[in-house]
Amino acid sequence: MRGRGDAASNGSKPDLSQSRFFCNNARKGSLVCGILAFVALVIGGGFAEISSNGAPTSLETAAVRWVIVGSLVLGVILYVIGGRMLRSGPAGR
């Protein structure tokens, strides 16, 4: 019995143009923004752990909140732009 007949089984790289996020740079940027929002959320939880009274300061909370909101808004905008680039065809890439 032979292995799968797809491109990944013969040692070549997978076709990233068929991926939801790796198809163009705008979609890659939206993925990075999502990862940044998650990292900010984890760091915000870390602020609560290292604070002496168990609660982060209002400045830390505000900073983390704005990083999360900003990166999510930018990520959605980039995702929509990437979708429009895909719809416009190969010339839009």
PDB file of N, CA and C in Angstrom:
ATOM      1  N   MET A   1       0.843  -1.169   0.000  1.00  0.00           N
ATOM      2  CA  MET A   1       0.000   0.000   0.000  1.00  0.00           C
ATOM      3  C   MET A   1       0.889   1.231   0.000  1.00  0.00           C
ATOM      4  N   ARG A   2       0.604   2.156  -0.864  1.00  0.00           N
ATOM      5  CA  ARG A   2       1.411   3.359  -0.995  1.00  0.00           C
ATOM      6  C   ARG A   2       0.861   4.472  -0.132  1.00  0.00           C
ATOM      7  N   GLY A   3       1.680   5.494   0.109  1.00  0.00           N
ATOM      8  CA  GLY A   3       1.272   6.657   0.903  1.00  0.00           C
ATOM      9  C   GLY A   3       0.282   7.529   0.146  1.00  0.00           C
ATOM     10  N   ARG A   4      -0.110   8.578   0.804  1.00  0.00           N
ATOM     11  CA  ARG A   4      -1.047   9.509   0.184  1.00  0.00           C
ATOM     12  C   ARG A   4      -0.422  10.122  -1.058  1.00  0.00           C
ATOM     13  N   GLY A   5      -1.238  10.522  -1.978  1.00  0.00           N
ATOM     14  CA  GLY A   5      -0.747  11.071  -3.235  1.00  0.00           C
ATOM     15  C   GLY A   5      -0.651  12.577  -3.241  1.00  0.00           C
ATOM     16  N   ASP A   6      -0.755  13.227  -2.106  1.00  0.00           N
ATOM     17  CA  ASP A   6      -0.701  14.689  -2.112  1.00  0.00           C
ATOM     18  C   ASP A   6       0.730  15.185  -2.142  1.00  0.00           C
ATOM     19  N   ALA A   7       0.885  16.490  -2.295  1.00  0.00           N
ATOM     20  CA  ALA A   7       2.207  17.080  -2.450  1.00  0.00           C
ATOM     21  C   ALA A   7       3.052  16.965  -1.183  1.00  0.00           C
ATOM     22  N   ALA A   8       2.430  16.954  -0.013  1.00  0.00           N
ATOM     23  CA  ALA A   8       3.196  16.900   1.231  1.00  0.00           C
ATOM     24  C   ALA A   8       3.878  15.553   1.425  1.00  0.00           C
ATOM     25  N   SER A   9       3.362  14.487   0.832  1.00  0.00           N
ATOM     26  CA  SER A   9       3.944  13.169   1.051  1.00  0.00           C
ATOM     27  C   SER A   9       5.204  12.945   0.226  1.00  0.00           C
ATOM     28  N   ASN A  10       5.436  13.753  -0.821  1.00  0.00           N
ATOM     29  CA  ASN A  10       6.629  13.531  -1.629  1.00  0.00           C
ATOM     30  C   ASN A  10       7.786  14.450  -1.230  1.00  0.00           C
ATOM     31  N   GLY A  11       7.666  15.115  -0.106  1.00  0.00           N
ATOM     32  CA  GLY A  11       8.753  15.931   0.394  1.00  0.00           C
ATOM     33  C   GLY A  11       8.675  17.393   0.016  1.00  0.00           C
ATOM     34  N   SER A  12       7.761  17.751  -0.857  1.00  0.00           N
ATOM     35  CA  SER A  12       7.637  19.163  -1.216  1.00  0.00           C
ATOM     36  C   SER A  12       6.796  19.893  -0.174  1.00  0.00           C
ATOM     37  N   LYS A  13       6.847  21.210  -0.212  1.00  0.00           N
ATOM     38  CA  LYS A  13       6.107  22.005   0.753  1.00  0.00           C
ATOM     39  C   LYS A  13       4.624  22.034   0.381  1.00  0.00           C
ATOM     40  N   PRO A  14       3.739  22.155   1.381  1.00  0.00           N
ATOM     41  CA  PRO A  14       2.310  22.231   1.079  1.00  0.00           C
ATOM     42  C   PRO A  14       1.964  23.546   0.375  1.00  0.00           C
ATOM     43  N   ASP A  15       0.881  23.542  -0.373  1.00  0.00           N
ATOM     44  CA  ASP A  15       0.426  24.721  -1.099  1.00  0.00           C
ATOM     45  C   ASP A  15      -0.279  25.660  -0.124  1.00  0.00           C
ATOM     46  N   LEU A  16       0.410  26.732   0.286  1.00  0.00           N
ATOM     47  CA  LEU A  16      -0.148  27.654   1.265  1.00  0.00           C
ATOM     48  C   LEU A  16      -1.190  28.588   0.657  1.00  0.00           C
ATOM     49  N   SER A  17      -1.302  28.633  -0.667  1.00  0.00           N
ATOM     50  CA  SER A  17      -2.302  29.510  -1.271  1.00  0.00           C
ATOM     51  C   SER A  17      -3.714  29.002  -1.006  1.00  0.00           C
ATOM     52  N   GLN A  18      -3.862  27.759  -0.592  1.00  0.00           N
ATOM     53  CA  GLN A  18      -5.169  27.209  -0.274  1.00  0.00           C
ATOM     54  C   GLN A  18      -5.525  27.389   1.197  1.00  0.00           C
ATOM     55  N   SER A  19      -4.607  27.921   1.983  1.00  0.00           N
ATOM     56  CA  SER A  19      -4.837  28.127   3.403  1.00  0.00           C
ATOM     57  C   SER A  19      -5.674  29.374   3.632  1.00  0.00           C
ATOM     58  N   ARG A  20      -6.428  29.390   4.720  1.00  0.00           N
ATOM     59  CA  ARG A  20      -7.263  30.558   5.033  1.00  0.00           C
ATOM     60  C   ARG A  20      -6.412  31.761   5.424  1.00  0.00           C
ATOM     61  N   PHE A  21      -5.319  31.551   6.152  1.00  0.00           N
ATOM     62  CA  PHE A  21      -4.530  32.675   6.646  1.00  0.00           C
ATOM     63  C   PHE A  21      -3.231  32.897   5.889  1.00  0.00           C
ATOM     64  N   PHE A  22      -2.681  31.891   5.255  1.00  0.00           N
ATOM     65  CA  PHE A  22      -1.387  32.050   4.604  1.00  0.00           C
ATOM     66  C   PHE A  22      -1.500  32.307   3.109  1.00  0.00           C
ATOM     67  N   CYS A  23      -2.678  32.711   2.636  1.00  0.00           N
ATOM     68  CA  CYS A  23      -2.873  32.903   1.206  1.00  0.00           C
ATOM     69  C   CYS A  23      -2.349  34.252   0.724  1.00  0.00           C
ATOM     70  N   ASN A  24      -2.303  35.269   1.563  1.00  0.00           N
ATOM     71  CA  ASN A  24      -1.725  36.566   1.183  1.00  0.00           C
ATOM     72  C   ASN A  24      -1.237  37.288   2.438  1.00  0.00           C
ATOM     73  N   ASN A  25      -0.534  38.391   2.220  1.00  0.00           N
ATOM     74  CA  ASN A  25       0.097  39.084   3.346  1.00  0.00           C
ATOM     75  C   ASN A  25      -0.905  39.743   4.280  1.00  0.00           C
ATOM     76  N   ALA A  26      -2.029  40.213   3.749  1.00  0.00           N
ATOM     77  CA  ALA A  26      -3.036  40.828   4.620  1.00  0.00           C
ATOM     78  C   ALA A  26      -3.605  39.795   5.589  1.00  0.00           C
ATOM     79  N   ARG A  27      -3.854  38.591   5.110  1.00  0.00           N
ATOM     80  CA  ARG A  27      -4.368  37.541   5.987  1.00  0.00           C
ATOM     81  C   ARG A  27      -3.301  37.096   6.990  1.00  0.00           C
ATOM     82  N   LYS A  28      -2.044  37.092   6.586  1.00  0.00           N
ATOM     83  CA  LYS A  28      -0.970  36.768   7.533  1.00  0.00           C
ATOM     84  C   LYS A  28      -0.914  37.825   8.635  1.00  0.00           C
ATOM     85  N   GLY A  29      -1.096  39.087   8.247  1.00  0.00           N
ATOM     86  CA  GLY A  29      -1.113  40.167   9.229  1.00  0.00           C
ATOM     87  C   GLY A  29      -2.258  40.022  10.210  1.00  0.00           C
ATOM     88  N   SER A  30      -3.416  39.566   9.730  1.00  0.00           N
ATOM     89  CA  SER A  30      -4.545  39.371  10.638  1.00  0.00           C
ATOM     90  C   SER A  30      -4.264  38.248  11.626  1.00  0.00           C
ATOM     91  N   LEU A  31      -3.567  37.231  11.189  1.00  0.00           N
ATOM     92  CA  LEU A  31      -3.186  36.146  12.090  1.00  0.00           C
ATOM     93  C   LEU A  31      -2.213  36.649  13.154  1.00  0.00           C
ATOM     94  N   VAL A  32      -1.258  37.477  12.757  1.00  0.00           N
ATOM     95  CA  VAL A  32      -0.303  38.045  13.705  1.00  0.00           C
ATOM     96  C   VAL A  32      -1.030  38.920  14.734  1.00  0.00           C
ATOM     97  N   CYS A  33      -2.018  39.691  14.277  1.00  0.00           N
ATOM     98  CA  CYS A  33      -2.782  40.539  15.205  1.00  0.00           C
ATOM     99  C   CYS A  33      -3.568  39.684  16.205  1.00  0.00           C
ATOM    100  N   GLY A  34      -4.123  38.576  15.762  1.00  0.00           N
ATOM    101  CA  GLY A  34      -4.827  37.677  16.674  1.00  0.00           C
ATOM    102  C   GLY A  34      -3.894  37.075  17.711  1.00  0.00           C
ATOM    103  N   ILE A  35      -2.705  36.705  17.271  1.00  0.00           N
ATOM    104  CA  ILE A  35      -1.718  36.154  18.199  1.00  0.00           C
ATOM    105  C   ILE A  35      -1.286  37.228  19.199  1.00  0.00           C
ATOM    106  N   LEU A  36      -1.118  38.471  18.728  1.00  0.00           N
ATOM    107  CA  LEU A  36      -0.759  39.569  19.612  1.00  0.00           C
ATOM    108  C   LEU A  36      -1.833  39.810  20.671  1.00  0.00           C
ATOM    109  N   ALA A  37      -3.104  39.726  20.273  1.00  0.00           N
ATOM    110  CA  ALA A  37      -4.199  39.908  21.237  1.00  0.00           C
ATOM    111  C   ALA A  37      -4.165  38.811  22.298  1.00  0.00           C
ATOM    112  N   PHE A  38      -3.898  37.583  21.886  1.00  0.00           N
ATOM    113  CA  PHE A  38      -3.827  36.481  22.843  1.00  0.00           C
ATOM    114  C   PHE A  38      -2.649  36.660  23.799  1.00  0.00           C
ATOM    115  N   VAL A  39      -1.504  37.068  23.274  1.00  0.00           N
ATOM    116  CA  VAL A  39      -0.324  37.286  24.111  1.00  0.00           C
ATOM    117  C   VAL A  39      -0.596  38.402  25.119  1.00  0.00           C
ATOM    118  N   ALA A  40      -1.268  39.471  24.686  1.00  0.00           N
ATOM    119  CA  ALA A  40      -1.599  40.561  25.607  1.00  0.00           C
ATOM    120  C   ALA A  40      -2.535  40.076  26.705  1.00  0.00           C
ATOM    121  N   LEU A  41      -3.447  39.188  26.354  1.00  0.00           N
ATOM    122  CA  LEU A  41      -4.354  38.628  27.355  1.00  0.00           C
ATOM    123  C   LEU A  41      -3.585  37.813  28.398  1.00  0.00           C
ATOM    124  N   VAL A  42      -2.636  37.024  27.940  1.00  0.00           N
ATOM    125  CA  VAL A  42      -1.817  36.225  28.858  1.00  0.00           C
ATOM    126  C   VAL A  42      -0.954  37.134  29.734  1.00  0.00           C
ATOM    127  N   ILE A  43      -0.376  38.179  29.137  1.00  0.00           N
ATOM    128  CA  ILE A  43       0.443  39.111  29.918  1.00  0.00           C
ATOM    129  C   ILE A  43      -0.421  39.840  30.941  1.00  0.00           C
ATOM    130  N   GLY A  44      -1.649  40.195  30.554  1.00  0.00           N
ATOM    131  CA  GLY A  44      -2.561  40.837  31.493  1.00  0.00           C
ATOM    132  C   GLY A  44      -2.873  39.946  32.677  1.00  0.00           C
ATOM    133  N   GLY A  45      -3.010  38.659  32.443  1.00  0.00           N
ATOM    134  CA  GLY A  45      -3.192  37.714  33.547  1.00  0.00           C
ATOM    135  C   GLY A  45      -1.951  37.623  34.411  1.00  0.00           C
ATOM    136  N   GLY A  46      -0.797  37.775  33.797  1.00  0.00           N
ATOM    137  CA  GLY A  46       0.456  37.774  34.550  1.00  0.00           C
ATOM    138  C   GLY A  46       0.588  38.984  35.452  1.00  0.00           C
ATOM    139  N   PHE A  47       0.033  40.121  35.014  1.00  0.00           N
ATOM    140  CA  PHE A  47       0.053  41.315  35.871  1.00  0.00           C
ATOM    141  C   PHE A  47      -0.686  41.062  37.181  1.00  0.00           C
ATOM    142  N   ALA A  48      -1.791  40.334  37.100  1.00  0.00           N
ATOM    143  CA  ALA A  48      -2.547  40.037  38.319  1.00  0.00           C
ATOM    144  C   ALA A  48      -1.745  39.126  39.249  1.00  0.00           C
ATOM    145  N   GLU A  49      -0.965  38.245  38.685  1.00  0.00           N
ATOM    146  CA  GLU A  49      -0.174  37.321  39.501  1.00  0.00           C
ATOM    147  C   GLU A  49       0.973  38.018  40.209  1.00  0.00           C
ATOM    148  N   ILE A  50       1.572  39.009  39.558  1.00  0.00           N
ATOM    149  CA  ILE A  50       2.757  39.638  40.157  1.00  0.00           C
ATOM    150  C   ILE A  50       2.413  40.850  41.007  1.00  0.00           C
ATOM    151  N   SER A  51       1.171  41.300  40.971  1.00  0.00           N
ATOM    152  CA  SER A  51       0.794  42.456  41.784  1.00  0.00           C
ATOM    153  C   SER A  51       0.733  42.067  43.253  1.00  0.00           C
ATOM    154  N   SER A  52       1.064  43.009  44.097  1.00  0.00           N
ATOM    155  CA  SER A  52       1.119  42.711  45.532  1.00  0.00           C
ATOM    156  C   SER A  52      -0.263  42.451  46.118  1.00  0.00           C
ATOM    157  N   ASN A  53      -1.285  43.121  45.615  1.00  0.00           N
ATOM    158  CA  ASN A  53      -2.622  42.916  46.167  1.00  0.00           C
ATOM    159  C   ASN A  53      -3.480  41.984  45.309  1.00  0.00           C
ATOM    160  N   GLY A  54      -2.914  41.399  44.274  1.00  0.00           N
ATOM    161  CA  GLY A  54      -3.652  40.454  43.450  1.00  0.00           C
ATOM    162  C   GLY A  54      -4.441  41.068  42.327  1.00  0.00           C
ATOM    163  N   ALA A  55      -4.363  42.373  42.164  1.00  0.00           N
ATOM    164  CA  ALA A  55      -5.084  43.049  41.081  1.00  0.00           C
ATOM    165  C   ALA A  55      -4.123  43.972  40.340  1.00  0.00           C
ATOM    166  N   PRO A  56      -4.183  43.989  39.022  1.00  0.00           N
ATOM    167  CA  PRO A  56      -3.306  44.890  38.272  1.00  0.00           C
ATOM    168  C   PRO A  56      -3.740  46.342  38.459  1.00  0.00           C
ATOM    169  N   THR A  57      -2.814  47.259  38.243  1.00  0.00           N
ATOM    170  CA  THR A  57      -3.147  48.672  38.363  1.00  0.00           C
ATOM    171  C   THR A  57      -4.042  49.091  37.203  1.00  0.00           C
ATOM    172  N   SER A  58      -4.652  50.245  37.324  1.00  0.00           N
ATOM    173  CA  SER A  58      -5.540  50.710  36.257  1.00  0.00           C
ATOM    174  C   SER A  58      -4.765  51.008  34.979  1.00  0.00           C
ATOM    175  N   LEU A  59      -3.527  51.439  35.104  1.00  0.00           N
ATOM    176  CA  LEU A  59      -2.697  51.689  33.928  1.00  0.00           C
ATOM    177  C   LEU A  59      -2.386  50.387  33.195  1.00  0.00           C
ATOM    178  N   GLU A  60      -2.028  49.350  33.938  1.00  0.00           N
ATOM    179  CA  GLU A  60      -1.772  48.042  33.315  1.00  0.00           C
ATOM    180  C   GLU A  60      -3.021  47.509  32.643  1.00  0.00           C
ATOM    181  N   THR A  61      -4.154  47.640  33.311  1.00  0.00           N
ATOM    182  CA  THR A  61      -5.411  47.164  32.742  1.00  0.00           C
ATOM    183  C   THR A  61      -5.755  47.912  31.465  1.00  0.00           C
ATOM    184  N   ALA A  62      -5.596  49.230  31.496  1.00  0.00           N
ATOM    185  CA  ALA A  62      -5.908  50.038  30.317  1.00  0.00           C
ATOM    186  C   ALA A  62      -4.973  49.709  29.153  1.00  0.00           C
ATOM    187  N   ALA A  63      -3.693  49.549  29.454  1.00  0.00           N
ATOM    188  CA  ALA A  63      -2.730  49.231  28.397  1.00  0.00           C
ATOM    189  C   ALA A  63      -3.055  47.897  27.743  1.00  0.00           C
ATOM    190  N   VAL A  64      -3.321  46.888  28.557  1.00  0.00           N
ATOM    191  CA  VAL A  64      -3.640  45.572  28.010  1.00  0.00           C
ATOM    192  C   VAL A  64      -4.943  45.621  27.227  1.00  0.00           C
ATOM    193  N   ARG A  65      -5.933  46.328  27.753  1.00  0.00           N
ATOM    194  CA  ARG A  65      -7.230  46.430  27.068  1.00  0.00           C
ATOM    195  C   ARG A  65      -7.078  47.063  25.691  1.00  0.00           C
ATOM    196  N   TRP A  66      -6.324  48.165  25.612  1.00  0.00           N
ATOM    197  CA  TRP A  66      -6.178  48.844  24.332  1.00  0.00           C
ATOM    198  C   TRP A  66      -5.336  48.041  23.347  1.00  0.00           C
ATOM    199  N   VAL A  67      -4.364  47.307  23.832  1.00  0.00           N
ATOM    200  CA  VAL A  67      -3.588  46.444  22.926  1.00  0.00           C
ATOM    201  C   VAL A  67      -4.481  45.348  22.367  1.00  0.00           C
ATOM    202  N   ILE A  68      -5.310  44.748  23.206  1.00  0.00           N
ATOM    203  CA  ILE A  68      -6.202  43.687  22.744  1.00  0.00           C
ATOM    204  C   ILE A  68      -7.222  44.245  21.757  1.00  0.00           C
ATOM    205  N   VAL A  69      -7.894  45.331  22.128  1.00  0.00           N
ATOM    206  CA  VAL A  69      -8.919  45.896  21.245  1.00  0.00           C
ATOM    207  C   VAL A  69      -8.301  46.371  19.931  1.00  0.00           C
ATOM    208  N   GLY A  70      -7.174  47.066  20.011  1.00  0.00           N
ATOM    209  CA  GLY A  70      -6.530  47.564  18.798  1.00  0.00           C
ATOM    210  C   GLY A  70      -6.077  46.464  17.869  1.00  0.00           C
ATOM    211  N   SER A  71      -5.494  45.418  18.424  1.00  0.00           N
ATOM    212  CA  SER A  71      -5.018  44.332  17.569  1.00  0.00           C
ATOM    213  C   SER A  71      -6.179  43.539  16.974  1.00  0.00           C
ATOM    214  N   LEU A  72      -7.267  43.394  17.727  1.00  0.00           N
ATOM    215  CA  LEU A  72      -8.429  42.698  17.160  1.00  0.00           C
ATOM    216  C   LEU A  72      -9.084  43.513  16.046  1.00  0.00           C
ATOM    217  N   VAL A  73      -9.213  44.817  16.246  1.00  0.00           N
ATOM    218  CA  VAL A  73      -9.798  45.665  15.201  1.00  0.00           C
ATOM    219  C   VAL A  73      -8.918  45.658  13.957  1.00  0.00           C
ATOM    220  N   LEU A  74      -7.615  45.828  14.136  1.00  0.00           N
ATOM    221  CA  LEU A  74      -6.694  45.793  13.007  1.00  0.00           C
ATOM    222  C   LEU A  74      -6.715  44.419  12.330  1.00  0.00           C
ATOM    223  N   GLY A  75      -6.801  43.353  13.121  1.00  0.00           N
ATOM    224  CA  GLY A  75      -6.857  42.013  12.549  1.00  0.00           C
ATOM    225  C   GLY A  75      -8.094  41.792  11.699  1.00  0.00           C
ATOM    226  N   VAL A  76      -9.237  42.281  12.151  1.00  0.00           N
ATOM    227  CA  VAL A  76     -10.469  42.141  11.363  1.00  0.00           C
ATOM    228  C   VAL A  76     -10.365  42.946  10.075  1.00  0.00           C
ATOM    229  N   ILE A  77      -9.824  44.153  10.162  1.00  0.00           N
ATOM    230  CA  ILE A  77      -9.667  44.974   8.960  1.00  0.00           C
ATOM    231  C   ILE A  77      -8.749  44.285   7.956  1.00  0.00           C
ATOM    232  N   LEU A  78      -7.621  43.762   8.428  1.00  0.00           N
ATOM    233  CA  LEU A  78      -6.700  43.065   7.531  1.00  0.00           C
ATOM    234  C   LEU A  78      -7.316  41.801   6.948  1.00  0.00           C
ATOM    235  N   TYR A  79      -8.125  41.102   7.748  1.00  0.00           N
ATOM    236  CA  TYR A  79      -8.774  39.885   7.259  1.00  0.00           C
ATOM    237  C   TYR A  79      -9.741  40.216   6.121  1.00  0.00           C
ATOM    238  N   VAL A  80     -10.501  41.291   6.285  1.00  0.00           N
ATOM    239  CA  VAL A  80     -11.448  41.697   5.240  1.00  0.00           C
ATOM    240  C   VAL A  80     -10.694  42.146   3.987  1.00  0.00           C
ATOM    241  N   ILE A  81      -9.613  42.913   4.167  1.00  0.00           N
ATOM    242  CA  ILE A  81      -8.812  43.338   3.022  1.00  0.00           C
ATOM    243  C   ILE A  81      -8.243  42.123   2.298  1.00  0.00           C
ATOM    244  N   GLY A  82      -7.767  41.150   3.048  1.00  0.00           N
ATOM    245  CA  GLY A  82      -7.238  39.921   2.436  1.00  0.00           C
ATOM    246  C   GLY A  82      -8.296  39.170   1.665  1.00  0.00           C
ATOM    247  N   GLY A  83      -9.519  39.141   2.177  1.00  0.00           N
ATOM    248  CA  GLY A  83     -10.599  38.488   1.452  1.00  0.00           C
ATOM    249  C   GLY A  83     -10.933  39.192   0.155  1.00  0.00           C
ATOM    250  N   ARG A  84     -10.899  40.516   0.178  1.00  0.00           N
ATOM    251  CA  ARG A  84     -11.154  41.268  -1.055  1.00  0.00           C
ATOM    252  C   ARG A  84     -10.029  41.070  -2.054  1.00  0.00           C
ATOM    253  N   MET A  85      -8.804  40.933  -1.557  1.00  0.00           N
ATOM    254  CA  MET A  85      -7.687  40.658  -2.460  1.00  0.00           C
ATOM    255  C   MET A  85      -7.853  39.292  -3.117  1.00  0.00           C
ATOM    256  N   LEU A  86      -8.349  38.314  -2.358  1.00  0.00           N
ATOM    257  CA  LEU A  86      -8.573  36.988  -2.934  1.00  0.00           C
ATOM    258  C   LEU A  86      -9.664  37.029  -4.000  1.00  0.00           C
ATOM    259  N   ARG A  87     -10.734  37.778  -3.715  1.00  0.00           N
ATOM    260  CA  ARG A  87     -11.844  37.865  -4.661  1.00  0.00           C
ATOM    261  C   ARG A  87     -11.437  38.555  -5.948  1.00  0.00           C
ATOM    262  N   SER A  88     -10.494  39.499  -5.861  1.00  0.00           N
ATOM    263  CA  SER A  88     -10.100  40.229  -7.053  1.00  0.00           C
ATOM    264  C   SER A  88      -9.225  39.378  -7.980  1.00  0.00           C
ATOM    265  N   GLY A  89      -8.768  38.247  -7.511  1.00  0.00           N
ATOM    266  CA  GLY A  89      -8.031  37.325  -8.364  1.00  0.00           C
ATOM    267  C   GLY A  89      -6.529  37.430  -8.195  1.00  0.00           C
ATOM    268  N   PRO A  90      -5.780  36.751  -9.071  1.00  0.00           N
ATOM    269  CA  PRO A  90      -4.312  36.708  -8.955  1.00  0.00           C
ATOM    270  C   PRO A  90      -3.661  38.079  -9.109  1.00  0.00           C
ATOM    271  N   ALA A  91      -4.297  39.000  -9.805  1.00  0.00           N
ATOM    272  CA  ALA A  91      -3.703  40.327  -9.975  1.00  0.00           C
ATOM    273  C   ALA A  91      -3.678  41.100  -8.669  1.00  0.00           C
ATOM    274  N   GLY A  92      -4.577  40.747  -7.710  1.00  0.00           N
ATOM    275  CA  GLY A  92      -4.655  41.452  -6.445  1.00  0.00           C
ATOM    276  C   GLY A  92      -3.652  40.971  -5.423  1.00  0.00           C
ATOM    277  N   ARG A  93      -2.917  39.937  -5.705  1.00  0.00           N
ATOM    278  CA  ARG A  93      -1.963  39.396  -4.736  1.00  0.00           C
ATOM    279  C   ARG A  93      -0.666  40.069  -4.764  1.00  0.00           C
TER     280      ARG A  93
END
